[in-house]
Amino acid sequence: MADIQELMKVNEEIQQLSITFPMREPAIRAAIEALTLLPGSIGLDAGCGIGLQTLLLAEAVGDAGRVTGLDISSQNLQHAREIANRADLAERVKFKAGDIRDLPFENNSFDWAWSSDCVGYASMEPLPLIKELQRVVKPGGIIAILAWSSEKLLPGYPVLEARLQATVPGLAPFVPGKTPKLHFLRLLGIMSDAGLENPTVKTLVGEIYSPLREADRAALVSLFEMRWPGVEKELAPEDLAEFNRLCKIDSPDFIVDEPDYYAFFTYSMFIGRISVNS
């Protein structure tokens, strides 16, 4: 029974990643463009999920470039390989099973490493993960860590949204009591502690507004489910009533269907360079 439940959870996560990607893609593309990856370079996508960002990275390094996507989930990797084959990019990318805490690569294997919504955003302590990425990137190469950093999804209802964001699901993947210095938004200091040179940060904004494409609406429905699962037990009765009215797809007042709906979200990207003296 446990195996079946785990498989269902994985399949749900794959579906969520697929449905929300069209909404997230412009901001992620902007982040990759800001890196100005060298054509023909060799890179790592650590925690690649179903490989959608691996393909964007492969496009960025051109025909002579190569990108390896690494993920701990065999189901994710199977899906990633299928997507790469359909995109006619299978020759430029490869996928490998592995743990970001113990990367299955030799020292100095890559020109750069990228991790999105994984390293720094996972529940694991980020400093050892940064150091492990540092180990496999050549001197002079870069490490880029990207993650979702904020959102405003309920225009006109700031109090309700603030209360939702203060719930345990709304804070995820961060948990109450987590040391502030381990928070993703403290990565400038963590990268410095790892010995990376001149760490910088860039924030990318994604926007979505009416009239919505069907794909955008589907992405928002999935995003609401991802951001606030099980919040009902933490809300006061009046907040719960408002949440059900505004945030449930079967409600006649579902906020996404408002003719003037507008939302935005941000991705923040932290970048550090490996010292040439490493």
Protein backbone atom coordinates (compact mmCIF):
# COMPACT_ATOMS: atom_id res chain seq x y z
CA MET A 1 0.00 0.00 0.00
CA ALA A 2 2.84 2.40 0.88
CA ASP A 3 4.44 1.87 -2.55
CA ILE A 4 1.16 2.63 -4.31
CA GLN A 5 0.66 5.80 -2.27
CA GLU A 6 4.22 6.94 -3.02
CA LEU A 7 3.71 6.34 -6.75
CA MET A 8 0.49 8.33 -6.69
CA LYS A 9 2.31 11.18 -4.95
CA VAL A 10 5.09 11.14 -7.56
CA ASN A 11 2.58 11.13 -10.41
CA GLU A 12 0.76 14.07 -8.84
CA GLU A 13 4.02 16.02 -8.56
CA ILE A 14 4.87 15.27 -12.20
CA GLN A 15 1.45 16.50 -13.27
CA GLN A 16 1.83 19.68 -11.21
CA LEU A 17 5.26 20.40 -12.69
CA SER A 18 3.92 19.88 -16.21
CA ILE A 19 0.79 22.01 -15.75
CA THR A 20 2.49 24.96 -14.04
CA PHE A 21 5.54 25.11 -16.32
CA PRO A 22 4.00 27.27 -19.10
CA MET A 23 3.23 29.94 -16.50
CA ARG A 24 6.72 29.73 -14.96
CA GLU A 25 8.70 29.34 -18.18
CA PRO A 26 9.15 33.04 -19.13
CA ALA A 27 10.72 33.88 -15.75
CA ILE A 28 12.94 30.78 -15.86
CA ARG A 29 14.06 31.59 -19.42
CA ALA A 30 14.92 35.12 -18.29
CA ALA A 31 17.03 33.69 -15.47
CA ILE A 32 18.94 31.41 -17.86
CA GLU A 33 19.48 34.26 -20.32
CA ALA A 34 20.91 36.39 -17.49
CA LEU A 35 23.58 33.73 -16.89
CA THR A 36 24.97 34.11 -20.44
CA LEU A 37 26.17 30.51 -20.48
CA LEU A 38 29.00 29.94 -22.93
CA PRO A 39 28.05 28.14 -26.16
CA GLY A 40 29.49 24.64 -26.12
CA SER A 41 29.82 24.53 -22.33
CA ILE A 42 29.02 21.47 -20.22
CA GLY A 43 26.61 21.87 -17.32
CA LEU A 44 24.72 20.11 -14.55
CA ASP A 45 21.04 20.53 -13.66
CA ALA A 46 20.97 19.27 -10.07
CA GLY A 47 17.50 18.18 -9.00
CA CYS A 48 16.19 18.34 -12.56
CA GLY A 49 12.71 16.96 -11.86
CA ILE A 50 11.06 16.07 -15.16
CA GLY A 51 13.77 17.81 -17.20
CA LEU A 52 11.90 20.83 -18.51
CA GLN A 53 14.57 23.25 -17.33
CA THR A 54 17.33 20.88 -18.48
CA LEU A 55 16.05 21.39 -22.02
CA LEU A 56 16.07 25.18 -21.66
CA LEU A 57 19.66 25.00 -20.44
CA ALA A 58 20.56 22.77 -23.41
CA GLU A 59 19.07 25.35 -25.78
CA ALA A 60 21.17 28.05 -24.10
CA VAL A 61 24.50 26.26 -24.66
CA GLY A 62 23.77 25.42 -28.28
CA ASP A 63 24.42 22.40 -30.47
CA ALA A 64 27.93 21.80 -29.12
CA GLY A 65 26.89 22.08 -25.46
CA ARG A 66 25.86 19.27 -23.16
CA VAL A 67 23.71 19.22 -20.03
CA THR A 68 23.28 16.43 -17.49
CA GLY A 69 20.09 16.35 -15.47
CA LEU A 70 20.31 14.63 -12.10
CA ASP A 71 17.38 13.60 -9.93
CA ILE A 72 16.75 11.09 -7.17
CA SER A 73 13.39 9.98 -8.63
CA SER A 74 13.43 7.28 -11.32
CA GLN A 75 9.88 8.26 -12.33
CA ASN A 76 10.98 11.86 -12.87
CA LEU A 77 13.91 10.73 -14.98
CA GLN A 78 11.80 8.44 -17.12
CA HIS A 79 9.46 11.34 -17.83
CA ALA A 80 12.43 13.63 -18.53
CA ARG A 81 13.89 11.26 -21.12
CA GLU A 82 10.53 11.03 -22.89
CA ILE A 83 10.24 14.82 -23.02
CA ALA A 84 13.81 15.17 -24.35
CA ASN A 85 13.13 12.64 -27.10
CA ARG A 86 9.98 14.49 -28.16
CA ALA A 87 11.88 17.79 -28.18
CA ASP A 88 14.62 16.32 -30.40
CA LEU A 89 17.25 17.27 -27.81
CA ALA A 90 18.19 13.78 -26.63
CA GLU A 91 21.70 14.10 -28.09
CA ARG A 92 22.42 17.24 -26.07
CA VAL A 93 21.09 16.06 -22.72
CA LYS A 94 21.43 13.00 -20.56
CA PHE A 95 19.80 12.10 -17.29
CA LYS A 96 21.31 10.32 -14.34
CA ALA A 97 19.93 9.06 -11.05
CA GLY A 98 21.66 10.44 -7.99
CA ASP A 99 21.50 12.32 -4.72
CA ILE A 100 22.46 16.00 -4.57
CA ARG A 101 24.16 15.30 -1.23
CA ASP A 102 26.62 12.90 -2.90
CA LEU A 103 26.89 13.72 -6.59
CA PRO A 104 27.98 10.74 -8.72
CA PHE A 105 30.55 12.77 -10.68
CA GLU A 106 34.29 13.32 -10.56
CA ASN A 107 35.80 16.59 -9.39
CA ASN A 108 35.80 19.39 -12.00
CA SER A 109 33.35 17.61 -14.32
CA PHE A 110 31.29 20.65 -15.37
CA ASP A 111 31.71 24.24 -16.53
CA TRP A 112 28.69 25.28 -14.47
CA ALA A 113 25.96 23.91 -12.22
CA TRP A 114 22.31 24.94 -11.94
CA SER A 115 19.72 23.94 -9.39
CA SER A 116 16.13 25.15 -9.35
CA ASP A 117 13.67 24.68 -6.46
CA CYS A 118 16.04 22.11 -4.99
CA VAL A 119 19.46 23.04 -3.59
CA GLY A 120 18.91 25.83 -1.09
CA TYR A 121 15.16 25.31 -1.17
CA ALA A 122 15.09 21.73 0.04
CA SER A 123 14.77 20.90 3.73
CA MET A 124 18.43 19.86 3.85
CA GLU A 125 21.11 22.23 5.13
CA PRO A 126 22.27 24.23 2.08
CA LEU A 127 25.99 24.73 2.81
CA PRO A 128 27.02 21.06 2.28
CA LEU A 129 24.95 20.99 -0.94
CA ILE A 130 26.68 24.12 -2.27
CA LYS A 131 30.06 22.61 -1.43
CA GLU A 132 29.16 19.40 -3.25
CA LEU A 133 28.22 21.39 -6.35
CA GLN A 134 31.45 23.34 -5.97
CA ARG A 135 33.39 20.08 -6.03
CA VAL A 136 32.10 19.05 -9.46
CA VAL A 137 32.45 22.46 -11.16
CA LYS A 138 35.75 23.52 -12.69
CA PRO A 139 37.71 26.50 -11.31
CA GLY A 140 36.32 29.67 -12.83
CA GLY A 141 32.90 28.09 -13.36
CA ILE A 142 29.65 29.23 -11.82
CA ILE A 143 26.95 27.83 -9.56
CA ALA A 144 23.43 29.21 -10.01
CA ILE A 145 20.67 28.47 -7.49
CA LEU A 146 17.14 29.47 -8.51
CA ALA A 147 13.95 29.19 -6.48
CA TRP A 148 10.45 30.57 -6.21
CA SER A 149 10.73 33.40 -3.66
CA SER A 150 7.36 35.19 -3.44
CA GLU A 151 3.87 35.50 -4.91
CA LYS A 152 0.75 37.62 -4.83
CA LEU A 153 -2.14 35.47 -6.02
CA LEU A 154 -5.19 37.03 -4.35
CA PRO A 155 -5.49 40.62 -5.62
CA GLY A 156 -7.64 42.71 -3.31
CA TYR A 157 -7.41 40.28 -0.39
CA PRO A 158 -4.05 41.03 1.28
CA VAL A 159 -5.14 40.01 4.79
CA LEU A 160 -6.39 36.59 3.71
CA GLU A 161 -3.29 36.01 1.60
CA ALA A 162 -1.01 37.01 4.48
CA ARG A 163 -2.78 34.56 6.77
CA LEU A 164 -2.48 31.80 4.18
CA GLN A 165 1.22 32.49 3.79
CA ALA A 166 1.65 32.21 7.55
CA THR A 167 0.28 28.65 7.68
CA VAL A 168 2.57 25.64 7.70
CA PRO A 169 1.72 24.76 4.05
CA GLY A 170 2.09 28.42 3.06
CA LEU A 171 5.60 28.51 4.51
CA ALA A 172 6.65 25.24 2.87
CA PRO A 173 9.27 24.01 2.29
CA PHE A 174 10.45 26.06 5.26
CA VAL A 175 9.24 24.95 8.65
CA PRO A 176 8.59 26.83 11.89
CA GLY A 177 11.74 27.02 13.97
CA LYS A 178 14.15 26.73 11.05
CA THR A 179 17.29 28.78 11.65
CA PRO A 180 17.00 32.05 9.71
CA LYS A 181 20.55 31.74 8.35
CA LEU A 182 19.54 28.49 6.62
CA HIS A 183 16.73 30.20 4.70
CA PHE A 184 17.05 30.27 0.90
CA LEU A 185 17.10 34.06 0.84
CA ARG A 186 20.31 34.01 2.93
CA LEU A 187 22.26 32.26 0.17
CA LEU A 188 24.63 35.19 -0.36
CA GLY A 189 26.17 34.43 3.02
CA ILE A 190 26.03 30.68 2.50
CA MET A 191 27.82 30.97 -0.83
CA SER A 192 30.48 33.17 0.77
CA ASP A 193 30.92 30.60 3.55
CA ALA A 194 31.41 27.94 0.87
CA GLY A 195 34.23 30.00 -0.64
CA LEU A 196 32.44 31.12 -3.80
CA GLU A 197 33.64 34.43 -5.20
CA ASN A 198 31.51 37.57 -5.50
CA PRO A 199 28.09 36.00 -4.98
CA THR A 200 25.28 38.01 -6.55
CA VAL A 201 21.51 37.75 -6.77
CA LYS A 202 18.93 38.59 -9.42
CA THR A 203 15.16 38.44 -9.05
CA LEU A 204 12.91 37.63 -12.02
CA VAL A 205 9.22 38.47 -12.11
CA GLY A 206 6.48 36.39 -13.69
CA GLU A 207 3.09 37.97 -14.36
CA ILE A 208 -0.27 36.52 -15.25
CA TYR A 209 -3.49 38.40 -15.90
CA SER A 210 -6.86 38.28 -17.60
CA PRO A 211 -7.91 37.31 -20.15
CA LEU A 212 -6.29 34.01 -19.24
CA ARG A 213 -5.34 31.31 -21.67
CA GLU A 214 -6.73 27.93 -20.69
CA ALA A 215 -3.19 26.75 -19.94
CA ASP A 216 -2.67 29.71 -17.59
CA ARG A 217 -5.92 29.03 -15.77
CA ALA A 218 -5.00 25.36 -15.34
CA ALA A 219 -1.58 26.42 -14.05
CA LEU A 220 -3.13 28.74 -11.47
CA VAL A 221 -5.56 26.05 -10.30
CA SER A 222 -2.63 23.68 -9.78
CA LEU A 223 -0.58 26.41 -8.10
CA PHE A 224 -3.32 27.14 -5.58
CA GLU A 225 -3.40 23.43 -4.72
CA MET A 226 0.39 23.32 -4.38
CA ARG A 227 0.71 26.42 -2.22
CA TRP A 228 -2.09 25.86 0.29
CA PRO A 229 -2.86 22.17 0.76
CA GLY A 230 -4.56 21.36 4.03
CA VAL A 231 -4.66 24.93 5.33
CA GLU A 232 -8.27 24.57 6.46
CA LYS A 233 -7.36 23.39 9.96
CA GLU A 234 -5.21 26.49 10.57
CA LEU A 235 -7.72 29.13 9.47
CA ALA A 236 -10.28 30.94 11.59
CA PRO A 237 -13.88 30.24 10.48
CA GLU A 238 -14.29 33.57 8.68
CA ASP A 239 -10.96 33.12 6.85
CA LEU A 240 -11.86 29.56 5.92
CA ALA A 241 -15.16 30.71 4.42
CA GLU A 242 -13.36 33.35 2.37
CA PHE A 243 -10.68 30.88 1.31
CA ASN A 244 -13.29 28.38 0.10
CA ARG A 245 -15.17 31.14 -1.74
CA LEU A 246 -12.14 32.60 -3.53
CA CYS A 247 -9.68 29.74 -3.93
CA LYS A 248 -11.74 26.68 -4.87
CA ILE A 249 -12.28 25.93 -8.53
CA ASP A 250 -15.89 24.85 -7.99
CA SER A 251 -16.85 28.15 -6.32
CA PRO A 252 -18.86 30.64 -8.42
CA ASP A 253 -16.56 33.34 -6.98
CA PHE A 254 -13.28 31.60 -7.87
CA ILE A 255 -10.92 34.58 -8.02
CA VAL A 256 -8.98 33.36 -11.06
CA ASP A 257 -12.15 33.80 -13.14
CA GLU A 258 -12.47 37.50 -12.29
CA PRO A 259 -12.32 39.60 -15.50
CA ASP A 260 -9.59 41.82 -13.97
CA TYR A 261 -7.54 39.05 -12.34
CA TYR A 262 -3.83 39.81 -11.95
CA ALA A 263 -1.10 37.95 -10.10
CA PHE A 264 2.65 37.92 -9.99
CA PHE A 265 5.41 35.75 -8.59
CA THR A 266 9.15 35.99 -8.30
CA TYR A 267 12.09 33.70 -8.77
CA SER A 268 15.38 34.67 -7.12
CA MET A 269 18.67 33.43 -8.54
CA PHE A 270 21.89 33.38 -6.53
CA ILE A 271 25.13 33.07 -8.49
CA GLY A 272 28.64 32.36 -7.22
CA ARG A 273 31.89 31.69 -9.04
CA ILE A 274 34.45 29.00 -8.25
CA SER A 275 37.84 30.51 -7.50
CA VAL A 276 40.43 29.85 -10.21
CA ASN A 277 42.77 28.94 -7.35
CA SER A 278 40.49 26.10 -6.17
